[in-house]
Amino acid sequence: MRVCFLTHYYPPEVGAPQARISALARALAARGASVAVHTGFPHYPDGAIKPPYANRPYLVEWDGPVKVVRTAVYPAPNRGFARRIANHTSLALSAVVGASLTGPADVVVAESPPLFTAAAGVAYAGIKRAALVLHVADLWPASAVELGALSDPRAIRAATWLEHAVYRRAAAIVAPADGITSVLEHLPASRGKVHRLGPSVDASAFDPSARGGDGRLRVLYAGTIGLAQGIDTLFEAARIAGPDVIGVTVAGDGADAPLLRERLRRERIENVEMIGSVPAGSVPRLYADADAAAVLLRDRSIFHGVIPTKLLDAMAAGRAIVLSARGEAARLVTDSGSGVVVAPEDADALAAAFAELAADRRRTAALGAAGRACALERFDRERVTARWEELLDDVATASGGTRRA
């Protein structure tokens, strides 16, 4: 079976989509598939293309067994609107023009968002005479509208039309959470071809043993610092709880990071440290040095069906979770007994939860152990990869492609 991923995000960029797509591509290749990835030159999140790369028409390289084709992109930081749209559009166009560089494919897996990458996937798959599988990690434009990033009625109508047009052309649609699959199943354009393939984690990469500390509850937030997360709530909770109770490490970058760095400087919040983006391979070490993990989502209905990747990392690491969110993520933490759930955007409740765990380390350890057990049972990467392989194999066969040997 020949599989090609079309994605705006890929390592050496750091982030949840990058790590997820790379891991899946490598895992499928290890199981015998011929796998290629078409992406841009790495520039997320600050808009600067990372050395040794330089923007050019194209570059072909290898990520282990995976062929990676990079084509030109208009680099822009992950904030604002107009430049980001130009950024997304540029890669969509260069990918279609350079589609032949990845070679033949039986299945093209296109990522959404960005929506323009998904739309390019329609033409891309058509050029290759391959089936199109769409992976919908987030409902766009709905999430942009709810966050206030997209408000022009004409733009919303155009984006919604494009979204539904892409759904109609896809042979199958994959989503990682029940909330997203539920919405997609109710849309005529996508009904009947939606599959829930949840996120996965390589639990073997994490050391669940506890480490000695300085007496404070060491809290880690590792992930995107953007509009969806509301990390300002975490900063306020740390300030309320105080430096004698918790110390917070924030690893990551994103649209809200500059404002939060300024807040740290201005308000002198001594028990929060921002260390910026770190390579995916360094995340397990950060969890090994933590007692608990903070996972936050803003109080928007669009996020009620989201399970953040960082939540699974924390579970695999055997670290107690303090979740500030509603919906599917909250049910997962509650049902697995892996942490404490508080209302989103409530700094006082978040600070109280930290104080509870700081005062009861046995409970903290028990929550972490429960999360580790759940990660091993429900989110094992090998199991999820096998389900992906089966779906892609079925889609390729149904479309007349080459079935995996």
Protein backbone atom coordinates (compact mmCIF):
# COMPACT_ATOMS: atom_id res chain seq x y z
CA MET A 1 0.00 0.00 0.00
CA ARG A 2 1.28 3.44 -0.95
CA VAL A 3 0.29 6.25 1.42
CA CYS A 4 0.98 9.98 1.09
CA PHE A 5 0.35 12.46 3.90
CA LEU A 6 -0.37 16.08 2.95
CA THR A 7 0.22 18.30 5.97
CA HIS A 8 1.08 21.88 6.81
CA TYR A 9 2.96 20.76 9.94
CA TYR A 10 5.87 18.33 10.24
CA PRO A 11 9.12 17.94 12.23
CA PRO A 12 11.59 19.41 12.90
CA GLU A 13 8.79 21.79 13.88
CA VAL A 14 7.61 21.13 17.43
CA GLY A 15 3.97 20.56 18.24
CA ALA A 16 1.24 17.96 18.68
CA PRO A 17 0.26 17.65 14.97
CA GLN A 18 3.90 17.39 13.93
CA ALA A 19 4.66 14.61 16.41
CA ARG A 20 1.43 12.73 15.69
CA ILE A 21 1.79 12.70 11.90
CA SER A 22 5.47 11.77 12.01
CA ALA A 23 4.80 8.92 14.43
CA LEU A 24 1.95 7.55 12.32
CA ALA A 25 3.94 7.82 9.08
CA ARG A 26 6.90 5.99 10.56
CA ALA A 27 4.69 3.34 12.17
CA LEU A 28 2.89 2.60 8.89
CA ALA A 29 6.23 2.36 7.09
CA ALA A 30 7.46 -0.07 9.73
CA ARG A 31 4.41 -2.23 9.01
CA GLY A 32 5.29 -2.46 5.33
CA ALA A 33 3.58 0.50 3.68
CA SER A 34 5.38 2.83 1.28
CA VAL A 35 4.94 6.22 2.94
CA ALA A 36 5.60 9.75 1.72
CA VAL A 37 4.87 13.12 3.32
CA HIS A 38 4.32 16.39 1.46
CA THR A 39 4.81 19.47 3.61
CA GLY A 40 6.46 22.89 3.65
CA PHE A 41 9.76 24.18 4.94
CA PRO A 42 9.72 24.31 8.76
CA HIS A 43 8.61 27.73 10.01
CA TYR A 44 6.10 27.14 12.83
CA PRO A 45 5.35 28.99 15.09
CA ASP A 46 7.42 32.15 14.59
CA GLY A 47 7.35 32.34 10.78
CA ALA A 48 11.12 32.00 10.41
CA ILE A 49 12.36 29.10 8.28
CA LYS A 50 14.69 27.07 10.45
CA PRO A 51 18.31 26.41 9.37
CA PRO A 52 19.70 24.46 7.65
CA TYR A 53 16.54 24.85 5.55
CA ALA A 54 15.95 27.69 3.11
CA ASN A 55 12.84 28.46 1.11
CA ARG A 56 13.16 27.03 -2.39
CA PRO A 57 10.90 25.38 -4.99
CA TYR A 58 11.30 21.95 -3.44
CA LEU A 59 13.47 19.62 -1.39
CA VAL A 60 13.36 15.82 -1.10
CA GLU A 61 14.71 14.22 2.08
CA TRP A 62 14.11 11.19 4.28
CA ASP A 63 12.74 10.90 7.80
CA GLY A 64 13.91 7.37 8.49
CA PRO A 65 11.85 5.16 6.14
CA VAL A 66 9.54 8.04 5.17
CA LYS A 67 10.12 10.11 2.05
CA VAL A 68 9.56 13.80 2.84
CA VAL A 69 8.94 16.35 0.09
CA ARG A 70 8.99 20.02 1.03
CA THR A 71 7.74 22.72 -1.32
CA ALA A 72 7.82 26.49 -1.12
CA VAL A 73 5.76 28.30 1.48
CA TYR A 74 5.10 31.92 2.40
CA PRO A 75 6.36 31.81 6.02
CA ALA A 76 4.27 33.69 8.56
CA PRO A 77 4.04 33.60 12.36
CA ASN A 78 1.17 31.72 13.96
CA ARG A 79 -0.81 34.83 14.84
CA GLY A 80 -2.93 37.36 13.02
CA PHE A 81 -5.25 36.35 10.21
CA ALA A 82 -4.37 37.68 6.76
CA ARG A 83 -0.76 36.52 6.78
CA ARG A 84 -1.72 33.11 8.14
CA ILE A 85 -4.25 32.68 5.32
CA ALA A 86 -1.52 33.61 2.83
CA ASN A 87 0.77 31.11 4.56
CA HIS A 88 -1.81 28.31 4.31
CA THR A 89 -2.70 29.14 0.71
CA SER A 90 0.91 29.22 -0.44
CA LEU A 91 1.63 25.68 0.68
CA ALA A 92 -1.67 24.42 -0.72
CA LEU A 93 -0.72 25.79 -4.15
CA SER A 94 2.91 24.65 -4.11
CA ALA A 95 1.84 21.17 -2.96
CA VAL A 96 -0.57 20.74 -5.86
CA VAL A 97 2.04 21.98 -8.34
CA GLY A 98 4.64 19.60 -6.85
CA ALA A 99 2.35 16.61 -6.31
CA SER A 100 4.36 14.38 -8.66
CA LEU A 101 7.42 14.67 -6.39
CA THR A 102 6.00 12.23 -3.82
CA GLY A 103 5.42 9.53 -6.43
CA PRO A 104 2.40 7.24 -6.90
CA ALA A 105 -0.09 6.76 -4.08
CA ASP A 106 -3.12 4.62 -3.40
CA VAL A 107 -4.32 6.86 -0.57
CA VAL A 108 -3.72 10.53 0.24
CA VAL A 109 -4.28 11.54 3.87
CA ALA A 110 -4.86 15.29 4.11
CA GLU A 111 -4.86 17.18 7.41
CA SER A 112 -7.48 19.74 8.43
CA PRO A 113 -6.97 22.37 9.67
CA PRO A 114 -5.69 24.28 7.83
CA LEU A 115 -8.75 24.03 5.62
CA PHE A 116 -6.75 25.07 2.56
CA THR A 117 -4.50 22.03 3.01
CA ALA A 118 -7.58 19.82 3.08
CA ALA A 119 -8.91 21.52 -0.06
CA ALA A 120 -5.57 21.01 -1.77
CA GLY A 121 -5.90 17.35 -0.84
CA VAL A 122 -8.85 17.02 -3.24
CA ALA A 123 -6.77 18.16 -6.21
CA TYR A 124 -3.69 16.34 -4.93
CA ALA A 125 -5.48 13.01 -4.69
CA GLY A 126 -7.06 13.61 -8.08
CA ILE A 127 -3.67 14.12 -9.72
CA LYS A 128 -2.50 10.81 -8.26
CA ARG A 129 -5.80 9.03 -8.96
CA ALA A 130 -5.76 8.09 -5.29
CA ALA A 131 -8.48 7.92 -2.67
CA LEU A 132 -8.68 10.88 -0.28
CA VAL A 133 -8.86 10.35 3.47
CA LEU A 134 -9.37 13.51 5.49
CA HIS A 135 -8.14 13.75 9.07
CA VAL A 136 -10.17 16.42 10.89
CA ALA A 137 -8.29 17.33 14.06
CA ASP A 138 -10.43 20.42 14.66
CA LEU A 139 -13.68 21.72 13.19
CA TRP A 140 -12.79 24.71 11.06
CA PRO A 141 -14.19 27.34 10.49
CA ALA A 142 -16.42 26.66 13.51
CA SER A 143 -13.55 26.89 16.00
CA ALA A 144 -12.23 30.11 14.45
CA VAL A 145 -15.70 31.66 14.63
CA GLU A 146 -16.20 30.67 18.28
CA LEU A 147 -12.80 32.05 19.27
CA GLY A 148 -13.51 35.34 17.48
CA ALA A 149 -10.71 34.87 14.95
CA LEU A 150 -13.18 34.82 12.05
CA SER A 151 -16.19 37.13 12.11
CA ASP A 152 -16.90 38.37 8.58
CA PRO A 153 -20.17 36.70 7.45
CA ARG A 154 -19.00 36.39 3.84
CA ALA A 155 -15.74 34.75 4.88
CA ILE A 156 -17.61 32.35 7.18
CA ARG A 157 -20.00 31.36 4.39
CA ALA A 158 -17.14 30.82 1.94
CA ALA A 159 -15.13 28.76 4.44
CA THR A 160 -18.16 26.65 5.35
CA TRP A 161 -18.90 25.99 1.68
CA LEU A 162 -15.29 24.92 1.13
CA GLU A 163 -15.34 22.73 4.24
CA HIS A 164 -18.43 20.84 3.07
CA ALA A 165 -17.10 20.55 -0.47
CA VAL A 166 -13.97 18.83 0.84
CA TYR A 167 -16.06 16.48 3.00
CA ARG A 168 -18.10 15.46 -0.05
CA ARG A 169 -14.99 14.55 -2.02
CA ALA A 170 -13.35 12.49 0.72
CA ALA A 171 -13.63 8.71 0.58
CA ALA A 172 -13.34 8.57 4.37
CA ILE A 173 -13.09 11.10 7.19
CA VAL A 174 -11.18 10.41 10.40
CA ALA A 175 -11.60 12.35 13.65
CA PRO A 176 -9.88 11.80 17.01
CA ALA A 177 -12.78 12.48 19.39
CA ASP A 178 -16.48 11.73 19.77
CA GLY A 179 -17.44 15.40 19.80
CA ILE A 180 -16.01 15.95 16.32
CA THR A 181 -17.38 12.70 14.87
CA SER A 182 -20.84 13.55 16.20
CA VAL A 183 -20.88 16.89 14.40
CA LEU A 184 -19.56 15.36 11.17
CA GLU A 185 -22.13 12.56 11.21
CA HIS A 186 -24.90 15.14 11.26
CA LEU A 187 -23.64 16.92 8.13
CA PRO A 188 -25.00 15.60 4.81
CA ALA A 189 -21.59 16.13 3.19
CA SER A 190 -19.80 13.78 5.59
CA ARG A 191 -22.49 11.47 6.92
CA GLY A 192 -21.77 7.77 6.62
CA LYS A 193 -18.03 7.99 6.09
CA VAL A 194 -16.78 9.20 9.46
CA HIS A 195 -14.43 7.05 11.54
CA ARG A 196 -13.25 7.71 15.06
CA LEU A 197 -9.58 6.87 15.38
CA GLY A 198 -8.49 8.33 18.67
CA PRO A 199 -5.11 9.78 19.50
CA SER A 200 -2.31 7.51 20.62
CA VAL A 201 0.83 7.70 22.70
CA ASP A 202 4.07 5.76 22.92
CA ALA A 203 4.01 4.97 26.62
CA SER A 204 7.42 3.31 26.43
CA ALA A 205 9.00 6.74 25.89
CA PHE A 206 7.96 7.88 29.39
CA ASP A 207 9.37 6.99 32.80
CA PRO A 208 6.47 6.83 35.27
CA SER A 209 8.63 6.63 38.39
CA ALA A 210 8.47 9.56 40.78
CA ARG A 211 11.41 11.88 41.43
CA GLY A 212 12.35 13.78 44.55
CA GLY A 213 11.66 17.50 44.56
CA ASP A 214 11.93 20.65 46.63
CA GLY A 215 8.65 20.20 48.49
CA ARG A 216 6.54 22.23 46.09
CA LEU A 217 4.17 20.62 43.60
CA ARG A 218 6.05 20.73 40.31
CA VAL A 219 3.52 21.37 37.54
CA LEU A 220 4.26 21.05 33.84
CA TYR A 221 2.35 22.53 30.94
CA ALA A 222 3.79 21.23 27.65
CA GLY A 223 2.02 22.28 24.49
CA THR A 224 0.74 25.10 22.33
CA ILE A 225 0.25 28.53 23.89
CA GLY A 226 -2.57 29.79 21.74
CA LEU A 227 -6.12 31.09 21.63
CA ALA A 228 -7.65 27.73 22.51
CA GLN A 229 -5.75 27.08 25.73
CA GLY A 230 -6.11 30.19 27.88
CA ILE A 231 -2.75 29.80 29.62
CA ASP A 232 -3.29 33.13 31.34
CA THR A 233 -5.59 31.18 33.70
CA LEU A 234 -2.66 28.94 34.64
CA PHE A 235 -0.49 31.98 35.36
CA GLU A 236 -3.15 33.49 37.59
CA ALA A 237 -3.65 30.18 39.42
CA ALA A 238 0.10 29.95 40.06
CA ARG A 239 0.09 33.49 41.44
CA ILE A 240 -2.86 32.69 43.74
CA ALA A 241 -1.40 29.39 44.98
CA GLY A 242 1.97 31.01 45.64
CA PRO A 243 5.60 29.91 45.26
CA ASP A 244 5.56 27.88 48.49
CA VAL A 245 2.87 25.58 47.04
CA ILE A 246 3.67 25.13 43.35
CA GLY A 247 6.26 25.80 40.72
CA VAL A 248 5.06 25.82 37.09
CA THR A 249 7.13 25.10 34.00
CA VAL A 250 5.61 26.07 30.65
CA ALA A 251 7.16 24.41 27.61
CA GLY A 252 5.85 25.53 24.24
CA ASP A 253 5.15 28.50 22.03
CA GLY A 254 2.28 30.07 20.16
CA ALA A 255 0.25 33.18 19.49
CA ASP A 256 -0.25 34.10 23.17
CA ALA A 257 3.34 33.47 24.26
CA PRO A 258 4.68 37.03 23.79
CA LEU A 259 1.87 38.52 25.90
CA LEU A 260 2.40 35.96 28.63
CA ARG A 261 6.14 36.58 28.74
CA GLU A 262 5.40 40.25 29.17
CA ARG A 263 2.97 39.46 31.98
CA LEU A 264 5.64 37.41 33.77
CA ARG A 265 8.03 40.32 33.54
CA ARG A 266 5.49 42.94 34.52
CA GLU A 267 3.83 41.12 37.42
CA ARG A 268 6.94 39.26 38.59
CA ILE A 269 5.21 35.90 38.97
CA GLU A 270 8.17 34.09 40.47
CA ASN A 271 6.84 30.52 40.41
CA VAL A 272 6.26 30.29 36.63
CA GLU A 273 9.05 29.61 34.16
CA MET A 274 8.58 29.74 30.38
CA ILE A 275 11.25 27.71 28.59
CA GLY A 276 9.92 28.00 25.02
CA SER A 277 9.61 25.21 22.49
CA VAL A 278 11.46 21.98 23.15
CA PRO A 279 12.05 19.01 20.83
CA ALA A 280 9.44 16.27 21.11
CA GLY A 281 12.12 13.91 22.39
CA SER A 282 12.70 16.16 25.40
CA VAL A 283 9.08 16.12 26.60
CA PRO A 284 9.36 12.80 28.50
CA ARG A 285 12.29 14.21 30.48
CA LEU A 286 10.23 17.25 31.46
CA TYR A 287 7.43 15.00 32.72
CA ALA A 288 9.96 12.91 34.65
CA ASP A 289 10.88 16.04 36.60
CA ALA A 290 7.24 16.98 37.30
CA ASP A 291 4.66 15.86 39.86
CA ALA A 292 1.58 16.89 37.91
CA ALA A 293 0.48 18.14 34.52
CA ALA A 294 -1.78 21.09 33.71
CA VAL A 295 -4.07 20.76 30.70
CA LEU A 296 -6.30 23.70 29.77
CA LEU A 297 -8.94 24.56 27.18
CA ARG A 298 -11.04 27.70 27.06
CA ASP A 299 -14.73 27.56 27.95
CA ARG A 300 -16.08 27.21 24.41
CA SER A 301 -18.53 24.57 23.24
CA ILE A 302 -16.31 23.77 20.25
CA PHE A 303 -13.72 22.33 22.66
CA HIS A 304 -16.12 20.00 24.46
CA GLY A 305 -15.32 17.30 21.92
CA VAL A 306 -11.52 17.67 22.08
CA ILE A 307 -8.95 15.37 23.70
CA PRO A 308 -5.62 17.27 23.75
CA THR A 309 -2.53 15.23 22.87
CA LYS A 310 -0.76 16.62 25.93
CA LEU A 311 -3.38 14.90 28.08
CA LEU A 312 -2.28 11.49 26.79
CA ASP A 313 1.38 12.38 27.27
CA ALA A 314 0.70 13.21 30.90
CA MET A 315 -1.21 9.95 31.40
CA ALA A 316 1.57 7.91 29.78
CA ALA A 317 4.10 9.67 32.03
CA GLY A 318 2.14 8.62 35.10
CA ARG A 319 1.62 12.19 36.25
CA ALA A 320 -1.51 13.45 38.00
CA ILE A 321 -3.55 15.70 35.74
CA VAL A 322 -5.18 18.97 36.67
CA LEU A 323 -7.63 19.57 33.84
CA SER A 324 -9.30 22.91 33.28
CA ALA A 325 -11.86 22.00 30.61
CA ARG A 326 -15.30 20.56 29.95
CA GLY A 327 -16.62 17.80 27.75
CA GLU A 328 -14.86 14.69 26.47
CA ALA A 329 -11.48 15.45 28.05
CA ALA A 330 -13.15 15.98 31.44
CA ARG A 331 -15.02 12.67 31.13
CA LEU A 332 -11.80 10.86 30.27
CA VAL A 333 -9.96 12.21 33.32
CA THR A 334 -12.91 11.53 35.63
CA ASP A 335 -13.65 8.04 34.33
CA SER A 336 -9.99 6.97 34.40
CA GLY A 337 -9.38 8.46 37.84
CA SER A 338 -6.26 10.14 36.47
CA GLY A 339 -6.67 13.63 37.84
CA VAL A 340 -8.71 16.55 39.09
CA VAL A 341 -11.17 18.41 36.86
CA VAL A 342 -12.07 22.06 37.40
CA ALA A 343 -14.16 24.50 35.42
CA PRO A 344 -12.32 26.17 32.54
CA GLU A 345 -11.02 29.73 32.94
CA ASP A 346 -11.47 29.57 36.73
CA ALA A 347 -8.11 30.48 38.24
CA ASP A 348 -9.30 30.15 41.85
CA ALA A 349 -10.54 26.59 41.28
CA LEU A 350 -7.32 25.70 39.48
CA ALA A 351 -5.21 27.08 42.33
CA ALA A 352 -7.27 25.12 44.86
CA ALA A 353 -6.73 21.90 42.89
CA PHE A 354 -2.98 22.47 42.88
CA ALA A 355 -3.02 23.07 46.62
CA GLU A 356 -4.96 19.83 47.21
CA LEU A 357 -2.42 17.77 45.31
CA ALA A 358 0.51 19.53 46.96
CA ALA A 359 -0.92 18.59 50.36
CA ASP A 360 -1.63 14.93 49.49
CA ARG A 361 1.25 13.33 47.61
CA ARG A 362 -0.17 9.81 47.97
CA ARG A 363 -3.26 10.88 46.10
CA THR A 364 -1.11 12.61 43.50
CA ALA A 365 0.84 9.40 42.91
CA ALA A 366 -2.34 7.30 42.75
CA LEU A 367 -3.88 9.58 40.13
CA GLY A 368 -0.74 9.34 38.04
CA ALA A 369 -0.70 5.55 38.24
CA ALA A 370 -4.34 5.38 37.13
CA GLY A 371 -3.58 7.59 34.16
CA ARG A 372 -0.64 5.42 33.14
CA ALA A 373 -2.83 2.30 33.25
CA CYS A 374 -5.48 3.98 31.10
CA ALA A 375 -2.91 5.11 28.52
CA LEU A 376 -1.57 1.57 28.20
CA GLU A 377 -5.04 0.07 27.85
CA ARG A 378 -6.81 2.56 25.58
CA PHE A 379 -4.27 4.67 23.72
CA ASP A 380 -1.44 2.30 22.82
CA ARG A 381 0.19 3.52 19.61
CA GLU A 382 0.56 0.06 18.07
CA ARG A 383 -3.19 -0.61 18.36
CA VAL A 384 -4.16 2.73 16.88
CA THR A 385 -1.69 2.30 14.00
CA ALA A 386 -3.19 -1.11 13.21
CA ARG A 387 -6.64 0.48 12.95
CA TRP A 388 -5.28 3.21 10.67
CA GLU A 389 -3.64 0.58 8.49
CA GLU A 390 -6.89 -1.39 8.20
CA LEU A 391 -8.90 1.70 7.25
CA LEU A 392 -6.39 2.90 4.65
CA ASP A 393 -6.13 -0.62 3.23
CA ASP A 394 -9.92 -0.83 2.88
CA VAL A 395 -10.14 2.61 1.25
CA ALA A 396 -7.33 1.77 -1.18
CA THR A 397 -8.99 -1.50 -2.14
CA ALA A 398 -12.42 0.07 -2.60
CA SER A 399 -10.95 2.72 -4.92
CA GLY A 400 -9.03 0.18 -7.00
CA GLY A 401 -5.63 0.89 -5.46
CA THR A 402 -2.92 -1.56 -4.60
CA ARG A 403 -3.72 -3.62 -1.53
CA ARG A 404 -0.95 -4.07 1.02
CA ALA A 405 0.96 -7.33 0.62
